[in-house]
Amino acid sequence: MTKIYVLFISLFAALALVACGGQEEIELTIIDLLEYDGSGDKAYFAYEGVIYDVTDSDLWEDGSHFGRYAGYDLTSQLEGAPHGTEMFDNVPQVGVMIPLELSTEDLTEYDGASHVYMFIAFEGTIYNVTNAEAWEDGEFNGLLPGNDLSDELTADDVEGLPEVGVLVD
C-alpha cells in the first residue's frame, strides 16, 4: 500500500512539473519581480497574480514590449493594448505573486524618490499608488507615499488601488 501511495505522489509531482514547463512554480513579491526585467537571464511580468515568462519571446526583446516592461505587474496596464488576455495563452506561466511584507520603517523606502515604487499602507494593507492617477504628482491631498495613512485616508480613498502586501511589526 505504501509503494502505491509513493508511486501516486511521484506521478502527481511529475505531472505538476510538466504542467509548469518542467520547472517548479515560483513565488515572487512585486519587489522580487523587478529582478526579472530581461537584463539578466529571465524576463517575467505579472498579470492578475500570475507570473509569465517572456524570456524567449521575440515580442519582448530586451524585456520590453510596446512601452511595457518585464519585471513589473502589468495588471493595470493592459487597457489600451491592441490585444486582450487571450495573448497570455501562448506565454508560459511560471509562478504566482505573493504578498509583500514590510514594516512601517521599511515602507518609508517606497516614497517614489528612493525606489521605483510608491506604496502606502491603510489599515494593515500595503497599496501600490505608483500608477494611480490621484497620486501622479507624488502626493495625494498633501499626503506622501511611503507612509501608513490609516488615520488620514478612508476606505473610499484606497478603493481600486492594487494591494501588494501587508504591514508587519
Protein backbone atom coordinates (compact mmCIF):
# COMPACT_ATOMS: atom_id res chain seq x y z
CA MET A 1 0.00 0.00 0.00
CA THR A 2 2.83 2.40 0.85
CA LYS A 3 4.50 1.74 -2.51
CA ILE A 4 1.28 2.59 -4.36
CA TYR A 5 0.94 5.81 -2.35
CA VAL A 6 4.56 6.82 -3.05
CA LEU A 7 4.10 5.99 -6.75
CA PHE A 8 0.93 8.08 -6.88
CA ILE A 9 2.64 11.07 -5.20
CA SER A 10 5.64 10.77 -7.56
CA LEU A 11 3.35 10.66 -10.59
CA PHE A 12 1.41 13.69 -9.35
CA ALA A 13 4.63 15.66 -8.79
CA ALA A 14 5.89 14.74 -12.28
CA LEU A 15 2.63 15.86 -13.87
CA ALA A 16 2.79 19.14 -11.95
CA LEU A 17 6.30 19.79 -13.23
CA VAL A 18 5.24 19.05 -16.81
CA ALA A 19 2.30 21.45 -16.42
CA CYS A 20 4.74 24.16 -15.31
CA GLY A 21 7.04 23.56 -18.27
CA GLY A 22 9.34 21.26 -16.29
CA GLN A 23 10.10 23.78 -13.60
CA GLU A 24 8.72 24.34 -10.16
CA GLU A 25 6.26 27.19 -9.79
CA ILE A 26 7.94 30.26 -8.33
CA GLU A 27 6.51 32.74 -5.85
CA LEU A 28 7.60 36.37 -6.07
CA THR A 29 6.64 39.63 -4.43
CA ILE A 30 6.25 42.77 -6.52
CA ILE A 31 9.79 43.75 -5.44
CA ASP A 32 11.28 40.32 -6.26
CA LEU A 33 9.74 40.54 -9.74
CA LEU A 34 11.93 43.57 -10.53
CA GLU A 35 14.93 41.23 -10.79
CA TYR A 36 13.38 39.60 -13.88
CA ASP A 37 13.39 42.62 -16.19
CA GLY A 38 15.14 40.95 -19.12
CA SER A 39 18.54 42.46 -18.42
CA GLY A 40 19.72 39.16 -16.93
CA ASP A 41 18.74 35.60 -17.69
CA LYS A 42 14.97 35.90 -17.39
CA ALA A 43 12.17 38.26 -18.36
CA TYR A 44 8.94 37.86 -16.37
CA PHE A 45 5.86 40.00 -15.93
CA ALA A 46 2.81 39.51 -13.76
CA TYR A 47 -0.85 39.88 -14.62
CA GLU A 48 -3.65 39.38 -12.10
CA GLY A 49 -1.39 37.47 -9.73
CA VAL A 50 0.12 35.11 -12.33
CA ILE A 51 3.77 35.36 -13.41
CA TYR A 52 4.51 34.87 -17.11
CA ASP A 53 7.87 34.10 -18.72
CA VAL A 54 8.60 36.12 -21.88
CA THR A 55 12.34 35.37 -21.89
CA ASP A 56 12.23 33.60 -25.26
CA SER A 57 9.60 35.79 -26.90
CA ASP A 58 10.69 37.84 -29.92
CA LEU A 59 7.96 40.32 -28.96
CA TRP A 60 9.72 41.04 -25.64
CA GLU A 61 13.26 41.66 -26.87
CA ASP A 62 15.40 43.09 -24.06
CA GLY A 63 12.40 42.82 -21.71
CA SER A 64 10.36 45.48 -23.50
CA HIS A 65 7.09 45.24 -25.43
CA PHE A 66 5.48 48.41 -26.82
CA GLY A 67 6.32 50.56 -23.80
CA ARG A 68 5.61 47.82 -21.25
CA TYR A 69 8.47 46.27 -19.33
CA ALA A 70 9.28 42.89 -17.88
CA GLY A 71 9.90 42.92 -14.16
CA TYR A 72 6.57 44.59 -13.41
CA ASP A 73 3.00 43.71 -12.58
CA LEU A 74 1.19 44.85 -15.73
CA THR A 75 -2.35 44.27 -14.47
CA SER A 76 -3.26 47.95 -14.63
CA GLN A 77 -1.55 48.49 -17.99
CA LEU A 78 -3.39 46.15 -20.36
CA GLU A 79 -6.02 48.78 -21.09
CA GLY A 80 -5.27 50.35 -24.46
CA ALA A 81 -3.30 47.34 -25.74
CA PRO A 82 -4.25 46.08 -29.21
CA HIS A 83 -4.92 42.65 -27.69
CA GLY A 84 -6.56 41.18 -24.63
CA THR A 85 -5.61 38.45 -22.21
CA GLU A 86 -6.03 35.80 -24.93
CA MET A 87 -2.40 36.52 -25.87
CA PHE A 88 -1.32 35.12 -22.50
CA ASP A 89 -2.44 31.66 -23.65
CA ASN A 90 0.81 31.47 -25.63
CA VAL A 91 3.05 32.60 -22.77
CA PRO A 92 4.36 30.12 -20.19
CA GLN A 93 3.03 30.61 -16.66
CA VAL A 94 5.88 30.12 -14.21
CA GLY A 95 4.51 31.22 -10.88
CA VAL A 96 2.32 33.39 -8.72
CA MET A 97 2.65 36.69 -6.93
CA ILE A 98 2.74 36.63 -3.14
CA PRO A 99 2.11 39.49 -0.71
CA LEU A 100 4.99 41.74 0.25
CA GLU A 101 5.63 42.08 3.98
CA LEU A 102 7.01 45.42 5.13
CA SER A 103 7.48 47.10 8.48
CA THR A 104 6.44 50.72 8.86
CA GLU A 105 10.13 51.64 8.74
CA ASP A 106 10.70 49.64 5.51
CA LEU A 107 7.61 51.25 3.97
CA THR A 108 9.36 54.63 4.05
CA GLU A 109 11.71 53.43 1.27
CA TYR A 110 8.77 53.33 -1.14
CA ASP A 111 8.18 57.05 -1.35
CA GLY A 112 8.81 57.41 -5.08
CA ALA A 113 12.14 59.13 -4.54
CA SER A 114 14.13 56.28 -3.04
CA HIS A 115 12.55 53.48 -5.07
CA VAL A 116 10.77 52.88 -8.38
CA TYR A 117 7.53 52.18 -6.49
CA MET A 118 5.30 54.36 -4.35
CA PHE A 119 3.44 52.42 -1.65
CA ILE A 120 1.10 53.48 1.12
CA ALA A 121 -0.41 51.49 3.94
CA PHE A 122 -4.01 51.64 5.09
CA GLU A 123 -5.36 49.50 7.92
CA GLY A 124 -2.55 46.95 7.61
CA THR A 125 -2.67 46.56 3.83
CA ILE A 126 0.01 47.95 1.52
CA TYR A 127 -1.22 49.54 -1.70
CA ASN A 128 0.72 50.43 -4.84
CA VAL A 129 -0.03 54.03 -5.80
CA THR A 130 2.74 54.29 -8.42
CA ASN A 131 0.37 54.45 -11.39
CA ALA A 132 -2.66 55.84 -9.56
CA GLU A 133 -3.95 58.97 -11.25
CA ALA A 134 -4.72 60.62 -7.90
CA TRP A 135 -1.06 60.18 -6.89
CA GLU A 136 0.52 61.23 -10.22
CA ASP A 137 2.23 64.26 -8.65
CA GLY A 138 3.79 62.08 -5.95
CA GLU A 139 1.23 63.09 -3.35
CA PHE A 140 -2.49 62.95 -2.61
CA ASN A 141 -4.13 65.89 -0.84
CA GLY A 142 -0.80 66.75 0.77
CA LEU A 143 -0.17 63.17 1.89
CA LEU A 144 3.06 61.48 0.84
CA PRO A 145 3.69 57.85 -0.17
CA GLY A 146 5.93 55.66 1.95
CA ASN A 147 3.68 56.11 4.97
CA ASP A 148 0.94 54.39 6.92
CA LEU A 149 -2.00 56.66 6.17
CA SER A 150 -4.62 54.77 8.18
CA ASP A 151 -5.50 57.89 10.18
CA GLU A 152 -5.64 60.20 7.16
CA LEU A 153 -7.44 58.18 4.47
CA THR A 154 -10.78 56.44 4.19
CA ALA A 155 -11.64 53.11 2.58
CA ASP A 156 -13.01 55.08 -0.41
CA ASP A 157 -9.56 56.63 -0.94
CA VAL A 158 -7.90 53.24 -1.43
CA GLU A 159 -10.73 51.55 -3.33
CA GLY A 160 -9.43 50.16 -6.61
CA LEU A 161 -5.75 50.54 -5.71
CA PRO A 162 -3.65 47.39 -6.22
CA GLU A 163 -2.99 45.56 -2.94
CA VAL A 164 0.62 44.38 -2.87
CA GLY A 165 1.25 43.33 0.68
CA VAL A 166 0.76 43.64 4.39
CA LEU A 167 2.24 45.83 7.08
CA VAL A 168 4.06 43.85 9.77
CA ASP A 169 5.62 44.86 13.06
